[in-house]
Amino acid sequence: MARKKTAGGTPATVALDTAGVPFTVHEYTHDPAAASYGAEAAEVLGVDPGRVFKTLLAEADGVLAVAVVPVSGRLDLKALAGALGAKRAAMADPAAAERSTGYVLGGISPLGQRKRLRTVVDRTLHDWPTVYVSAGRRGLEVELSPADLVRLTAAVTAPISRD
């Protein structure tokens, strides 16, 4: 995988460039009528939906946290709470997610967020040689190694998705 320079890129691609991590940017024309941003990315890019990960924000015991799960699954909030050592978790308010990350819904990347939050990535991440996550805007995905994603987000991996 070649490292692709992204002059004037998103905070996510700038973070990857700064870290010297190899990655590839995949851009496509986002359809505003698409029912699911992640499923759209997988389909348009011709990638298995289990290999494309969506970034979700939740509140675990009232504190924002990031969950990264395959677009083919759903976030298991009870499992996320357990992975974070919390009693309960709920989806975060969309406006709070945008304020905290600096990204808009459908373009939230786990990388380059305004404020570093505790992050949990579903363990299926390690099933793939590379994975895709949002590069910071709708219609823009970044492909990188699972190990680099975990390292750059200081994430823990846990079984937090379900079919």
Protein backbone atom coordinates (compact mmCIF):
# COMPACT_ATOMS: atom_id res chain seq x y z
CA MET A 1 0.00 0.00 0.00
CA ALA A 2 1.52 3.27 -1.08
CA ARG A 3 1.57 6.28 1.14
CA LYS A 4 -0.46 8.93 -0.56
CA LYS A 5 0.32 12.54 0.26
CA THR A 6 -2.77 14.56 0.95
CA ALA A 7 -1.80 18.21 0.89
CA GLY A 8 -4.70 20.19 2.26
CA GLY A 9 -6.37 16.94 3.30
CA THR A 10 -8.72 16.21 6.14
CA PRO A 11 -7.56 16.06 9.77
CA ALA A 12 -7.57 12.25 9.39
CA THR A 13 -5.24 12.21 6.39
CA VAL A 14 -3.03 14.88 7.94
CA ALA A 15 -2.74 12.72 11.08
CA LEU A 16 -1.75 9.73 8.95
CA ASP A 17 0.82 11.76 7.00
CA THR A 18 2.26 13.17 10.24
CA ALA A 19 2.56 9.68 11.72
CA GLY A 20 4.27 8.40 8.57
CA VAL A 21 1.71 5.62 8.21
CA PRO A 22 1.18 3.97 4.80
CA PHE A 23 -2.41 4.47 3.60
CA THR A 24 -4.48 4.86 0.47
CA VAL A 25 -7.32 7.33 -0.01
CA HIS A 26 -10.40 6.15 -1.92
CA GLU A 27 -12.75 8.87 -3.11
CA TYR A 28 -16.19 8.37 -4.60
CA THR A 29 -19.24 10.48 -5.32
CA HIS A 30 -21.50 10.26 -2.30
CA ASP A 31 -25.21 9.84 -3.03
CA PRO A 32 -27.21 11.97 -0.55
CA ALA A 33 -30.10 9.49 -0.91
CA ALA A 34 -27.97 6.55 0.32
CA ALA A 35 -29.55 4.83 3.31
CA SER A 36 -26.20 3.99 4.94
CA TYR A 37 -22.92 5.83 4.47
CA GLY A 38 -20.81 2.76 5.24
CA ALA A 39 -22.80 0.35 3.10
CA GLU A 40 -22.63 2.85 0.26
CA ALA A 41 -18.83 3.03 0.60
CA ALA A 42 -18.49 -0.76 0.57
CA GLU A 43 -20.72 -1.11 -2.49
CA VAL A 44 -19.20 1.72 -4.53
CA LEU A 45 -15.64 0.66 -3.72
CA GLY A 46 -16.40 -3.03 -4.31
CA VAL A 47 -15.15 -4.03 -0.85
CA ASP A 48 -16.56 -6.64 1.52
CA PRO A 49 -18.79 -4.76 4.04
CA GLY A 50 -17.00 -6.58 6.87
CA ARG A 51 -13.81 -4.79 5.87
CA VAL A 52 -15.32 -1.28 5.92
CA PHE A 53 -15.69 0.12 9.43
CA LYS A 54 -18.03 2.84 10.64
CA THR A 55 -17.20 5.23 13.44
CA LEU A 56 -19.90 5.74 16.04
CA LEU A 57 -19.95 7.86 19.17
CA ALA A 58 -21.56 6.67 22.35
CA GLU A 59 -21.79 7.81 25.94
CA ALA A 60 -20.46 5.30 28.43
CA ASP A 61 -21.51 6.28 31.94
CA GLY A 62 -22.00 9.81 30.60
CA VAL A 63 -18.57 10.12 28.95
CA LEU A 64 -18.14 10.20 25.16
CA ALA A 65 -16.34 7.26 23.58
CA VAL A 66 -15.67 6.04 20.03
CA ALA A 67 -16.81 2.66 18.72
CA VAL A 68 -15.51 1.37 15.38
CA VAL A 69 -17.50 -1.54 13.96
CA PRO A 70 -17.92 -3.17 10.54
CA VAL A 71 -20.68 -1.67 8.40
CA SER A 72 -22.06 -5.20 8.04
CA GLY A 73 -22.90 -5.29 11.75
CA ARG A 74 -24.45 -3.23 14.50
CA LEU A 75 -22.88 -1.81 17.64
CA ASP A 76 -23.62 -3.86 20.76
CA LEU A 77 -23.91 -1.13 23.40
CA LYS A 78 -23.75 -3.59 26.30
CA ALA A 79 -20.50 -5.06 24.93
CA LEU A 80 -19.11 -1.55 24.40
CA ALA A 81 -19.90 -0.63 28.00
CA GLY A 82 -18.14 -3.79 29.17
CA ALA A 83 -15.07 -3.06 27.04
CA LEU A 84 -14.86 0.41 28.59
CA GLY A 85 -15.50 -0.79 32.15
CA ALA A 86 -18.75 1.17 32.24
CA LYS A 87 -22.14 0.18 33.61
CA ARG A 88 -24.08 1.32 30.55
CA ALA A 89 -23.66 2.88 27.15
CA ALA A 90 -26.03 4.72 24.81
CA MET A 91 -25.61 6.37 21.45
CA ALA A 92 -24.32 9.93 21.74
CA ASP A 93 -26.32 12.96 20.69
CA PRO A 94 -25.42 13.63 17.02
CA ALA A 95 -24.63 17.31 17.70
CA ALA A 96 -22.30 16.32 20.56
CA ALA A 97 -20.58 13.79 18.27
CA GLU A 98 -19.97 16.45 15.63
CA ARG A 99 -18.73 19.02 18.17
CA SER A 100 -16.35 16.59 19.83
CA THR A 101 -14.86 15.11 16.66
CA GLY A 102 -14.92 18.10 14.34
CA TYR A 103 -16.53 15.95 11.64
CA VAL A 104 -20.07 15.77 10.25
CA LEU A 105 -22.23 12.66 10.59
CA GLY A 106 -21.46 10.22 7.82
CA GLY A 107 -17.91 11.52 7.68
CA ILE A 108 -16.71 10.93 11.24
CA SER A 109 -13.28 9.37 11.18
CA PRO A 110 -11.66 7.62 14.15
CA LEU A 111 -8.49 9.50 13.15
CA GLY A 112 -7.67 13.18 13.60
CA GLN A 113 -10.53 13.99 15.93
CA ARG A 114 -10.52 17.33 17.77
CA LYS A 115 -10.47 15.63 21.15
CA ARG A 116 -8.97 12.21 21.77
CA LEU A 117 -11.64 9.93 23.17
CA ARG A 118 -11.41 6.38 24.46
CA THR A 119 -11.78 4.14 21.43
CA VAL A 120 -12.86 0.53 21.04
CA VAL A 121 -12.52 -1.26 17.70
CA ASP A 122 -14.37 -4.48 16.96
CA ARG A 123 -12.02 -7.45 17.04
CA THR A 124 -12.97 -8.50 13.49
CA LEU A 125 -10.62 -5.73 12.40
CA HIS A 126 -7.81 -8.28 12.63
CA ASP A 127 -9.50 -10.55 10.05
CA TRP A 128 -8.28 -8.29 7.24
CA PRO A 129 -4.85 -7.26 5.90
CA THR A 130 -6.18 -3.70 5.49
CA VAL A 131 -9.40 -2.00 6.53
CA TYR A 132 -11.34 1.06 5.42
CA VAL A 133 -12.56 3.89 7.65
CA SER A 134 -13.87 7.34 6.89
CA ALA A 135 -11.16 9.79 5.93
CA GLY A 136 -13.15 12.66 7.40
CA ARG A 137 -15.87 13.47 4.94
CA ARG A 138 -18.67 11.74 3.09
CA GLY A 139 -17.36 10.01 -0.03
CA LEU A 140 -13.81 9.70 1.24
CA GLU A 141 -12.39 6.52 2.78
CA VAL A 142 -8.89 5.71 3.90
CA GLU A 143 -7.42 2.20 3.72
CA LEU A 144 -4.77 1.26 6.26
CA SER A 145 -3.50 -1.66 8.29
CA PRO A 146 -5.51 -2.72 11.34
CA ALA A 147 -2.41 -2.40 13.54
CA ASP A 148 -1.88 1.21 12.47
CA LEU A 149 -5.53 2.09 13.14
CA VAL A 150 -5.37 0.59 16.62
CA ARG A 151 -2.05 2.27 17.39
CA LEU A 152 -2.99 5.74 16.14
CA THR A 153 -6.31 5.77 17.99
CA ALA A 154 -4.89 4.11 21.13
CA ALA A 155 -7.81 1.72 20.81
CA VAL A 156 -8.60 -1.49 22.56
CA THR A 157 -10.10 -4.31 20.53
CA ALA A 158 -13.13 -6.21 21.75
CA PRO A 159 -16.17 -8.03 20.35
CA ILE A 160 -18.50 -5.02 20.19
CA SER A 161 -20.52 -5.72 17.03
CA ARG A 162 -23.34 -8.08 16.28
CA ASP A 163 -25.06 -9.12 13.06
